[in-house]
Amino acid sequence: MDRIEKMVMAIAIVLLVVFFGAIVVAATSYGVDVPTCITDRKPFVESAPPFKTSDQPLRYEVHTVARMWMFDPPEITVPPGAEIDLYLSSADVVHGYHVEGTNTNLMAVPGAVTYTRLKFDREGTYRVLCHEYCGTAHHLMVGTIVVSHRAMEGEQ
């Protein structure tokens, strides 16, 4: 190898190490977590609105079904500080589930259940978008997660 080839190879190796390090830092520092595909839970095609789980006051479980061209339930309302155990399934084709303003990015695959845990500390309305092309009305597939103190008042 001549001198230029060695220099190009050295630069390529250094860049490879730098980019790999950047991925590791981004994944560990920013709380990036790979969604879980649950294999021991039967896929569902009926949704369930947010409901409290056992003994934890701000813990909710939601079963969401993605279908052409909507999320069911279309709106999820929880109080600030709530943790949502979100179970996602698809009734027809592959859909995406992205919550704006968060790093939540799920795939709804027919015959499978995807799980993640979300936590919302601040009041606001978070749009949920389908990021996987699912047909002619894909661009209309939007849901919302409303974080409001009124959700707590409605439970009392």
N, C-alpha and C. Protein backbone atom coordinates (compact mmCIF):
# COMPACT_ATOMS: atom_id res chain seq x y z
N MET A 1 0.84 -1.19 0.00
CA MET A 1 0.00 0.00 0.00
C MET A 1 0.88 1.24 0.00
N ASP A 2 0.47 2.17 -0.78
CA ASP A 2 1.25 3.41 -0.76
C ASP A 2 0.73 4.33 0.35
N ARG A 3 1.37 5.44 0.52
CA ARG A 3 1.11 6.36 1.62
C ARG A 3 -0.32 6.91 1.61
N ILE A 4 -0.86 7.27 0.46
CA ILE A 4 -2.21 7.83 0.37
C ILE A 4 -3.25 6.78 0.74
N GLU A 5 -3.07 5.55 0.30
CA GLU A 5 -4.01 4.49 0.65
C GLU A 5 -4.03 4.26 2.16
N LYS A 6 -2.87 4.27 2.79
CA LYS A 6 -2.80 4.10 4.24
C LYS A 6 -3.52 5.24 4.96
N MET A 7 -3.34 6.46 4.46
CA MET A 7 -3.97 7.62 5.08
C MET A 7 -5.51 7.53 4.93
N VAL A 8 -6.00 7.15 3.77
CA VAL A 8 -7.44 7.02 3.55
C VAL A 8 -8.01 5.92 4.45
N MET A 9 -7.31 4.80 4.57
CA MET A 9 -7.76 3.71 5.44
C MET A 9 -7.79 4.16 6.90
N ALA A 10 -6.78 4.90 7.33
CA ALA A 10 -6.73 5.39 8.71
C ALA A 10 -7.89 6.35 8.98
N ILE A 11 -8.16 7.25 8.05
CA ILE A 11 -9.27 8.19 8.21
C ILE A 11 -10.60 7.44 8.27
N ALA A 12 -10.77 6.43 7.42
CA ALA A 12 -12.00 5.64 7.41
C ALA A 12 -12.20 4.91 8.74
N ILE A 13 -11.14 4.34 9.28
CA ILE A 13 -11.23 3.63 10.56
C ILE A 13 -11.55 4.59 11.69
N VAL A 14 -10.90 5.75 11.71
CA VAL A 14 -11.16 6.75 12.75
C VAL A 14 -12.63 7.20 12.67
N LEU A 15 -13.13 7.48 11.47
CA LEU A 15 -14.52 7.90 11.32
C LEU A 15 -15.49 6.81 11.77
N LEU A 16 -15.17 5.57 11.45
CA LEU A 16 -16.00 4.45 11.87
C LEU A 16 -16.09 4.38 13.40
N VAL A 17 -14.97 4.53 14.07
CA VAL A 17 -14.95 4.51 15.54
C VAL A 17 -15.71 5.70 16.11
N VAL A 18 -15.53 6.88 15.53
CA VAL A 18 -16.23 8.09 16.00
C VAL A 18 -17.74 7.93 15.84
N PHE A 19 -18.19 7.47 14.68
CA PHE A 19 -19.63 7.30 14.45
C PHE A 19 -20.22 6.23 15.36
N PHE A 20 -19.51 5.14 15.57
CA PHE A 20 -19.99 4.10 16.47
C PHE A 20 -20.10 4.66 17.89
N GLY A 21 -19.10 5.42 18.31
CA GLY A 21 -19.15 6.05 19.63
C GLY A 21 -20.31 7.02 19.76
N ALA A 22 -20.59 7.77 18.69
CA ALA A 22 -21.72 8.70 18.72
C ALA A 22 -23.05 7.96 18.89
N ILE A 23 -23.19 6.82 18.25
CA ILE A 23 -24.41 6.03 18.39
C ILE A 23 -24.55 5.51 19.81
N VAL A 24 -23.47 5.03 20.39
CA VAL A 24 -23.51 4.52 21.76
C VAL A 24 -23.87 5.64 22.73
N VAL A 25 -23.25 6.80 22.59
CA VAL A 25 -23.54 7.94 23.47
C VAL A 25 -25.00 8.38 23.31
N ALA A 26 -25.48 8.48 22.08
CA ALA A 26 -26.86 8.90 21.85
C ALA A 26 -27.85 7.91 22.46
N ALA A 27 -27.57 6.63 22.33
CA ALA A 27 -28.49 5.61 22.84
C ALA A 27 -28.50 5.56 24.37
N THR A 28 -27.36 5.80 25.00
CA THR A 28 -27.30 5.71 26.46
C THR A 28 -27.62 7.03 27.15
N SER A 29 -27.30 8.15 26.55
CA SER A 29 -27.49 9.45 27.19
C SER A 29 -28.89 10.01 27.04
N TYR A 30 -29.59 9.65 25.98
CA TYR A 30 -30.89 10.25 25.71
C TYR A 30 -32.06 9.30 25.98
N GLY A 31 -31.83 8.21 26.65
CA GLY A 31 -32.90 7.31 27.04
C GLY A 31 -33.58 6.62 25.88
N VAL A 32 -32.88 6.40 24.80
CA VAL A 32 -33.46 5.70 23.66
C VAL A 32 -33.63 4.23 24.04
N ASP A 33 -34.83 3.73 23.83
CA ASP A 33 -35.12 2.35 24.19
C ASP A 33 -35.84 1.68 23.02
N VAL A 34 -35.46 0.48 22.72
CA VAL A 34 -36.09 -0.25 21.64
C VAL A 34 -37.42 -0.80 22.14
N PRO A 35 -38.53 -0.55 21.40
CA PRO A 35 -39.83 -1.07 21.84
C PRO A 35 -39.82 -2.59 21.90
N THR A 36 -40.64 -3.11 22.78
CA THR A 36 -40.71 -4.55 22.99
C THR A 36 -41.87 -5.14 22.20
N CYS A 37 -41.61 -6.22 21.50
CA CYS A 37 -42.67 -6.98 20.86
C CYS A 37 -43.03 -8.12 21.81
N ILE A 38 -44.25 -8.10 22.29
CA ILE A 38 -44.67 -9.07 23.30
C ILE A 38 -45.16 -10.34 22.61
N THR A 39 -44.60 -11.46 23.01
CA THR A 39 -44.97 -12.72 22.39
C THR A 39 -45.93 -13.54 23.24
N ASP A 40 -46.10 -13.18 24.51
CA ASP A 40 -46.99 -13.96 25.37
C ASP A 40 -48.38 -13.34 25.54
N ARG A 41 -48.67 -12.31 24.79
CA ARG A 41 -49.99 -11.66 24.85
C ARG A 41 -50.65 -11.80 23.48
N LYS A 42 -51.89 -12.21 23.49
CA LYS A 42 -52.62 -12.42 22.24
C LYS A 42 -52.93 -11.08 21.58
N PRO A 43 -52.71 -10.96 20.27
CA PRO A 43 -53.07 -9.71 19.57
C PRO A 43 -54.56 -9.40 19.74
N PHE A 44 -54.89 -8.13 19.77
CA PHE A 44 -56.27 -7.71 19.99
C PHE A 44 -56.71 -6.79 18.87
N VAL A 45 -58.01 -6.73 18.64
CA VAL A 45 -58.55 -5.82 17.64
C VAL A 45 -59.59 -4.88 18.25
N GLU A 46 -59.80 -5.00 19.56
CA GLU A 46 -60.68 -4.08 20.29
C GLU A 46 -59.82 -3.25 21.23
N SER A 47 -60.06 -1.95 21.25
CA SER A 47 -59.26 -1.07 22.09
C SER A 47 -59.83 -1.02 23.50
N ALA A 48 -59.05 -0.47 24.40
CA ALA A 48 -59.51 -0.23 25.77
C ALA A 48 -59.05 1.16 26.17
N PRO A 49 -59.96 2.01 26.67
CA PRO A 49 -59.54 3.34 27.11
C PRO A 49 -58.60 3.23 28.30
N PRO A 50 -57.92 4.31 28.65
CA PRO A 50 -56.98 4.24 29.77
C PRO A 50 -57.66 3.77 31.04
N PHE A 51 -57.07 2.81 31.69
CA PHE A 51 -57.59 2.38 32.98
C PHE A 51 -56.43 2.20 33.94
N LYS A 52 -56.71 2.46 35.23
CA LYS A 52 -55.67 2.38 36.25
C LYS A 52 -55.28 0.93 36.47
N THR A 53 -54.01 0.76 36.76
CA THR A 53 -53.55 -0.58 37.11
C THR A 53 -53.31 -0.63 38.61
N SER A 54 -53.73 -1.66 39.20
CA SER A 54 -53.63 -2.03 40.62
C SER A 54 -53.38 -0.90 41.59
N ASP A 55 -52.23 -0.91 42.23
CA ASP A 55 -52.00 -0.06 43.40
C ASP A 55 -51.27 1.25 43.11
N GLN A 56 -50.88 1.50 41.89
CA GLN A 56 -50.13 2.72 41.60
C GLN A 56 -51.07 3.80 41.06
N PRO A 57 -51.17 4.94 41.77
CA PRO A 57 -52.18 5.94 41.44
C PRO A 57 -52.03 6.61 40.08
N LEU A 58 -50.83 6.78 39.60
CA LEU A 58 -50.64 7.45 38.31
C LEU A 58 -50.16 6.49 37.23
N ARG A 59 -50.55 5.25 37.31
CA ARG A 59 -50.15 4.23 36.33
C ARG A 59 -51.39 3.80 35.57
N TYR A 60 -51.34 3.90 34.25
CA TYR A 60 -52.48 3.55 33.41
C TYR A 60 -52.05 2.52 32.37
N GLU A 61 -53.00 1.71 31.96
CA GLU A 61 -52.76 0.76 30.88
C GLU A 61 -53.72 1.12 29.74
N VAL A 62 -53.19 1.17 28.52
CA VAL A 62 -54.00 1.51 27.35
C VAL A 62 -53.77 0.46 26.28
N HIS A 63 -54.85 -0.02 25.70
CA HIS A 63 -54.78 -0.93 24.56
C HIS A 63 -55.23 -0.14 23.35
N THR A 64 -54.31 0.13 22.43
CA THR A 64 -54.61 0.91 21.24
C THR A 64 -54.55 0.02 20.01
N VAL A 65 -55.54 0.19 19.15
CA VAL A 65 -55.58 -0.54 17.88
C VAL A 65 -55.41 0.46 16.76
N ALA A 66 -54.45 0.20 15.89
CA ALA A 66 -54.26 1.01 14.69
C ALA A 66 -54.98 0.30 13.55
N ARG A 67 -55.82 1.05 12.86
CA ARG A 67 -56.52 0.48 11.70
C ARG A 67 -56.72 1.58 10.68
N MET A 68 -56.96 1.21 9.46
CA MET A 68 -57.14 2.22 8.41
C MET A 68 -58.29 3.13 8.79
N TRP A 69 -58.18 4.29 8.88
CA TRP A 69 -57.07 5.20 9.00
C TRP A 69 -57.26 5.97 10.29
N MET A 70 -57.15 5.26 11.38
CA MET A 70 -57.40 5.86 12.69
C MET A 70 -56.71 5.06 13.78
N PHE A 71 -56.55 5.72 14.92
CA PHE A 71 -56.12 5.04 16.13
C PHE A 71 -57.36 4.91 17.02
N ASP A 72 -57.50 3.78 17.66
CA ASP A 72 -58.64 3.54 18.53
C ASP A 72 -58.12 3.12 19.90
N PRO A 73 -58.29 3.93 20.96
CA PRO A 73 -59.06 5.16 21.02
C PRO A 73 -58.32 6.32 20.36
N PRO A 74 -59.08 7.27 19.77
CA PRO A 74 -58.44 8.39 19.08
C PRO A 74 -57.82 9.41 20.03
N GLU A 75 -58.33 9.45 21.27
CA GLU A 75 -57.78 10.38 22.26
C GLU A 75 -57.59 9.66 23.59
N ILE A 76 -56.44 9.89 24.19
CA ILE A 76 -56.11 9.33 25.50
C ILE A 76 -55.91 10.51 26.44
N THR A 77 -56.62 10.54 27.57
CA THR A 77 -56.50 11.64 28.52
C THR A 77 -56.00 11.10 29.85
N VAL A 78 -54.91 11.69 30.33
CA VAL A 78 -54.30 11.30 31.60
C VAL A 78 -53.84 12.54 32.34
N PRO A 79 -53.66 12.45 33.67
CA PRO A 79 -53.15 13.59 34.44
C PRO A 79 -51.63 13.72 34.30
N PRO A 80 -51.09 14.91 34.61
CA PRO A 80 -49.63 15.08 34.57
C PRO A 80 -48.95 14.11 35.54
N GLY A 81 -47.80 13.62 35.14
CA GLY A 81 -47.06 12.67 35.95
C GLY A 81 -47.46 11.23 35.72
N ALA A 82 -48.46 11.03 34.87
CA ALA A 82 -48.96 9.67 34.63
C ALA A 82 -47.97 8.86 33.80
N GLU A 83 -47.89 7.58 34.13
CA GLU A 83 -47.15 6.62 33.31
C GLU A 83 -48.17 5.76 32.59
N ILE A 84 -47.98 5.61 31.30
CA ILE A 84 -48.90 4.82 30.48
C ILE A 84 -48.17 3.58 29.99
N ASP A 85 -48.73 2.42 30.30
CA ASP A 85 -48.27 1.17 29.69
C ASP A 85 -49.09 1.01 28.42
N LEU A 86 -48.46 1.26 27.28
CA LEU A 86 -49.17 1.27 26.00
C LEU A 86 -48.95 -0.05 25.27
N TYR A 87 -50.05 -0.72 24.98
CA TYR A 87 -50.02 -1.95 24.18
C TYR A 87 -50.64 -1.60 22.84
N LEU A 88 -49.92 -1.87 21.76
CA LEU A 88 -50.34 -1.46 20.43
C LEU A 88 -50.45 -2.67 19.52
N SER A 89 -51.56 -2.74 18.79
CA SER A 89 -51.75 -3.81 17.82
C SER A 89 -52.39 -3.22 16.57
N SER A 90 -52.37 -3.97 15.48
CA SER A 90 -52.96 -3.51 14.23
C SER A 90 -54.05 -4.47 13.80
N ALA A 91 -55.13 -3.92 13.27
CA ALA A 91 -56.24 -4.74 12.81
C ALA A 91 -56.14 -5.08 11.33
N ASP A 92 -55.24 -4.41 10.58
CA ASP A 92 -55.22 -4.65 9.15
C ASP A 92 -53.82 -4.70 8.53
N VAL A 93 -53.15 -3.57 8.44
CA VAL A 93 -51.82 -3.52 7.81
C VAL A 93 -50.81 -2.94 8.80
N VAL A 94 -49.58 -2.81 8.39
CA VAL A 94 -48.54 -2.23 9.25
C VAL A 94 -48.78 -0.72 9.38
N HIS A 95 -48.76 -0.24 10.61
CA HIS A 95 -48.91 1.19 10.91
C HIS A 95 -47.75 1.62 11.79
N GLY A 96 -47.53 2.93 11.87
CA GLY A 96 -46.56 3.49 12.79
C GLY A 96 -47.27 4.23 13.91
N TYR A 97 -46.57 4.47 15.02
CA TYR A 97 -47.14 5.19 16.16
C TYR A 97 -46.03 6.07 16.71
N HIS A 98 -46.08 7.35 16.35
CA HIS A 98 -45.07 8.30 16.80
C HIS A 98 -45.75 9.39 17.62
N VAL A 99 -45.28 9.61 18.85
CA VAL A 99 -45.82 10.65 19.71
C VAL A 99 -44.89 11.86 19.59
N GLU A 100 -45.44 12.95 19.03
CA GLU A 100 -44.63 14.15 18.84
C GLU A 100 -44.11 14.69 20.17
N GLY A 101 -42.87 15.16 20.15
CA GLY A 101 -42.27 15.72 21.35
C GLY A 101 -41.66 14.68 22.27
N THR A 102 -41.70 13.41 21.87
CA THR A 102 -41.09 12.34 22.65
C THR A 102 -40.24 11.48 21.72
N ASN A 103 -39.54 10.52 22.30
CA ASN A 103 -38.77 9.60 21.46
C ASN A 103 -39.54 8.30 21.24
N THR A 104 -40.86 8.34 21.39
CA THR A 104 -41.70 7.16 21.19
C THR A 104 -41.95 6.95 19.71
N ASN A 105 -41.59 5.77 19.25
CA ASN A 105 -41.72 5.42 17.84
C ASN A 105 -41.96 3.92 17.76
N LEU A 106 -43.20 3.52 17.53
CA LEU A 106 -43.57 2.10 17.54
C LEU A 106 -44.08 1.67 16.17
N MET A 107 -44.06 0.38 15.95
CA MET A 107 -44.65 -0.22 14.76
C MET A 107 -45.81 -1.09 15.21
N ALA A 108 -46.96 -0.92 14.57
CA ALA A 108 -48.13 -1.77 14.83
C ALA A 108 -48.19 -2.79 13.70
N VAL A 109 -47.93 -4.03 14.03
CA VAL A 109 -47.87 -5.10 13.04
C VAL A 109 -49.04 -6.05 13.27
N PRO A 110 -49.79 -6.40 12.22
CA PRO A 110 -50.89 -7.35 12.40
C PRO A 110 -50.39 -8.66 13.00
N GLY A 111 -51.11 -9.16 14.00
CA GLY A 111 -50.74 -10.42 14.63
C GLY A 111 -49.70 -10.30 15.71
N ALA A 112 -49.30 -9.07 16.05
CA ALA A 112 -48.28 -8.86 17.09
C ALA A 112 -48.74 -7.74 18.02
N VAL A 113 -48.18 -7.73 19.22
CA VAL A 113 -48.45 -6.66 20.19
C VAL A 113 -47.12 -5.99 20.51
N THR A 114 -47.09 -4.67 20.38
CA THR A 114 -45.91 -3.88 20.71
C THR A 114 -46.19 -3.15 22.01
N TYR A 115 -45.17 -3.04 22.87
CA TYR A 115 -45.34 -2.43 24.19
C TYR A 115 -44.28 -1.36 24.42
N THR A 116 -44.69 -0.30 25.08
CA THR A 116 -43.76 0.69 25.59
C THR A 116 -44.40 1.38 26.79
N ARG A 117 -43.58 2.04 27.58
CA ARG A 117 -44.07 2.82 28.72
C ARG A 117 -43.77 4.29 28.44
N LEU A 118 -44.80 5.12 28.57
CA LEU A 118 -44.68 6.56 28.35
C LEU A 118 -44.90 7.28 29.67
N LYS A 119 -44.23 8.41 29.84
CA LYS A 119 -44.47 9.25 31.02
C LYS A 119 -44.59 10.69 30.56
N PHE A 120 -45.64 11.34 31.03
CA PHE A 120 -45.90 12.73 30.68
C PHE A 120 -45.93 13.56 31.96
N ASP A 121 -44.96 14.45 32.12
CA ASP A 121 -44.88 15.28 33.32
C ASP A 121 -45.56 16.63 33.15
N ARG A 122 -45.63 17.11 31.90
CA ARG A 122 -46.19 18.44 31.66
C ARG A 122 -47.55 18.36 30.98
N GLU A 123 -48.42 19.30 31.34
CA GLU A 123 -49.72 19.38 30.68
C GLU A 123 -49.52 19.76 29.22
N GLY A 124 -50.43 19.31 28.40
CA GLY A 124 -50.37 19.64 26.99
C GLY A 124 -51.07 18.60 26.15
N THR A 125 -51.11 18.86 24.86
CA THR A 125 -51.69 17.93 23.90
C THR A 125 -50.58 17.43 23.00
N TYR A 126 -50.41 16.13 22.97
CA TYR A 126 -49.37 15.50 22.17
C TYR A 126 -50.03 14.77 21.00
N ARG A 127 -49.62 15.13 19.78
CA ARG A 127 -50.19 14.46 18.61
C ARG A 127 -49.53 13.11 18.40
N VAL A 128 -50.34 12.15 17.99
CA VAL A 128 -49.86 10.82 17.64
C VAL A 128 -50.02 10.68 16.13
N LEU A 129 -48.93 10.36 15.45
CA LEU A 129 -48.95 10.27 14.00
C LEU A 129 -48.59 8.87 13.53
N CYS A 130 -49.20 8.46 12.43
CA CYS A 130 -48.80 7.22 11.77
C CYS A 130 -47.65 7.57 10.83
N HIS A 131 -46.51 6.95 11.03
CA HIS A 131 -45.34 7.26 10.21
C HIS A 131 -45.02 6.16 9.21
N GLU A 132 -45.92 5.22 9.05
CA GLU A 132 -45.72 4.12 8.10
C GLU A 132 -46.86 4.19 7.09
N TYR A 133 -46.52 4.32 5.80
CA TYR A 133 -47.56 4.46 4.79
C TYR A 133 -48.51 3.27 4.85
N CYS A 134 -49.82 3.56 5.00
CA CYS A 134 -50.80 2.50 5.20
C CYS A 134 -51.98 2.60 4.24
N GLY A 135 -51.91 3.45 3.26
CA GLY A 135 -52.99 3.56 2.28
C GLY A 135 -53.28 5.00 1.92
N THR A 136 -54.37 5.18 1.17
CA THR A 136 -54.65 6.49 0.58
C THR A 136 -54.96 7.59 1.60
N ALA A 137 -55.50 7.25 2.75
CA ALA A 137 -55.81 8.27 3.77
C ALA A 137 -54.79 8.26 4.91
N HIS A 138 -53.61 7.77 4.65
CA HIS A 138 -52.55 7.69 5.67
C HIS A 138 -52.30 9.05 6.33
N HIS A 139 -52.31 10.10 5.55
CA HIS A 139 -52.01 11.44 6.08
C HIS A 139 -53.08 11.93 7.07
N LEU A 140 -54.22 11.28 7.12
CA LEU A 140 -55.28 11.67 8.05
C LEU A 140 -55.24 10.90 9.36
N MET A 141 -54.31 9.96 9.48
CA MET A 141 -54.25 9.08 10.65
C MET A 141 -53.52 9.78 11.79
N VAL A 142 -54.30 10.46 12.63
CA VAL A 142 -53.76 11.25 13.73
C VAL A 142 -54.57 10.95 14.99
N GLY A 143 -53.89 10.85 16.11
CA GLY A 143 -54.54 10.71 17.41
C GLY A 143 -53.97 11.75 18.35
N THR A 144 -54.45 11.78 19.58
CA THR A 144 -53.92 12.73 20.56
C THR A 144 -53.81 12.08 21.94
N ILE A 145 -52.83 12.56 22.66
CA ILE A 145 -52.71 12.24 24.08
C ILE A 145 -52.81 13.57 24.81
N VAL A 146 -53.85 13.71 25.62
CA VAL A 146 -54.09 14.95 26.36
C VAL A 146 -53.65 14.74 27.80
N VAL A 147 -52.74 15.59 28.24
CA VAL A 147 -52.26 15.53 29.62
C VAL A 147 -52.84 16.75 30.33
N SER A 148 -53.75 16.51 31.27
CA SER A 148 -54.47 17.60 31.90
C SER A 148 -54.86 17.23 33.33
N HIS A 149 -54.88 18.24 34.21
CA HIS A 149 -55.34 18.02 35.58
C HIS A 149 -56.82 17.63 35.61
N ARG A 150 -57.56 17.99 34.58
CA ARG A 150 -58.98 17.63 34.51
C ARG A 150 -59.18 16.12 34.47
N ALA A 151 -58.20 15.40 33.95
CA ALA A 151 -58.30 13.93 33.92
C ALA A 151 -58.39 13.39 35.34
N MET A 152 -57.67 14.01 36.27
CA MET A 152 -57.70 13.58 37.66
C MET A 152 -59.04 13.91 38.30
N GLU A 153 -59.60 15.07 37.94
CA GLU A 153 -60.90 15.46 38.50
C GLU A 153 -61.99 14.51 38.05
N GLY A 154 -61.91 14.01 36.82
CA GLY A 154 -62.92 13.10 36.29
C GLY A 154 -62.91 11.75 36.97
N GLU A 155 -61.82 11.38 37.63
CA GLU A 155 -61.71 10.08 38.28
C GLU A 155 -62.30 10.08 39.68
N GLN A 156 -62.46 11.27 40.27
CA GLN A 156 -62.92 11.33 41.66
C GLN A 156 -64.41 11.21 41.76
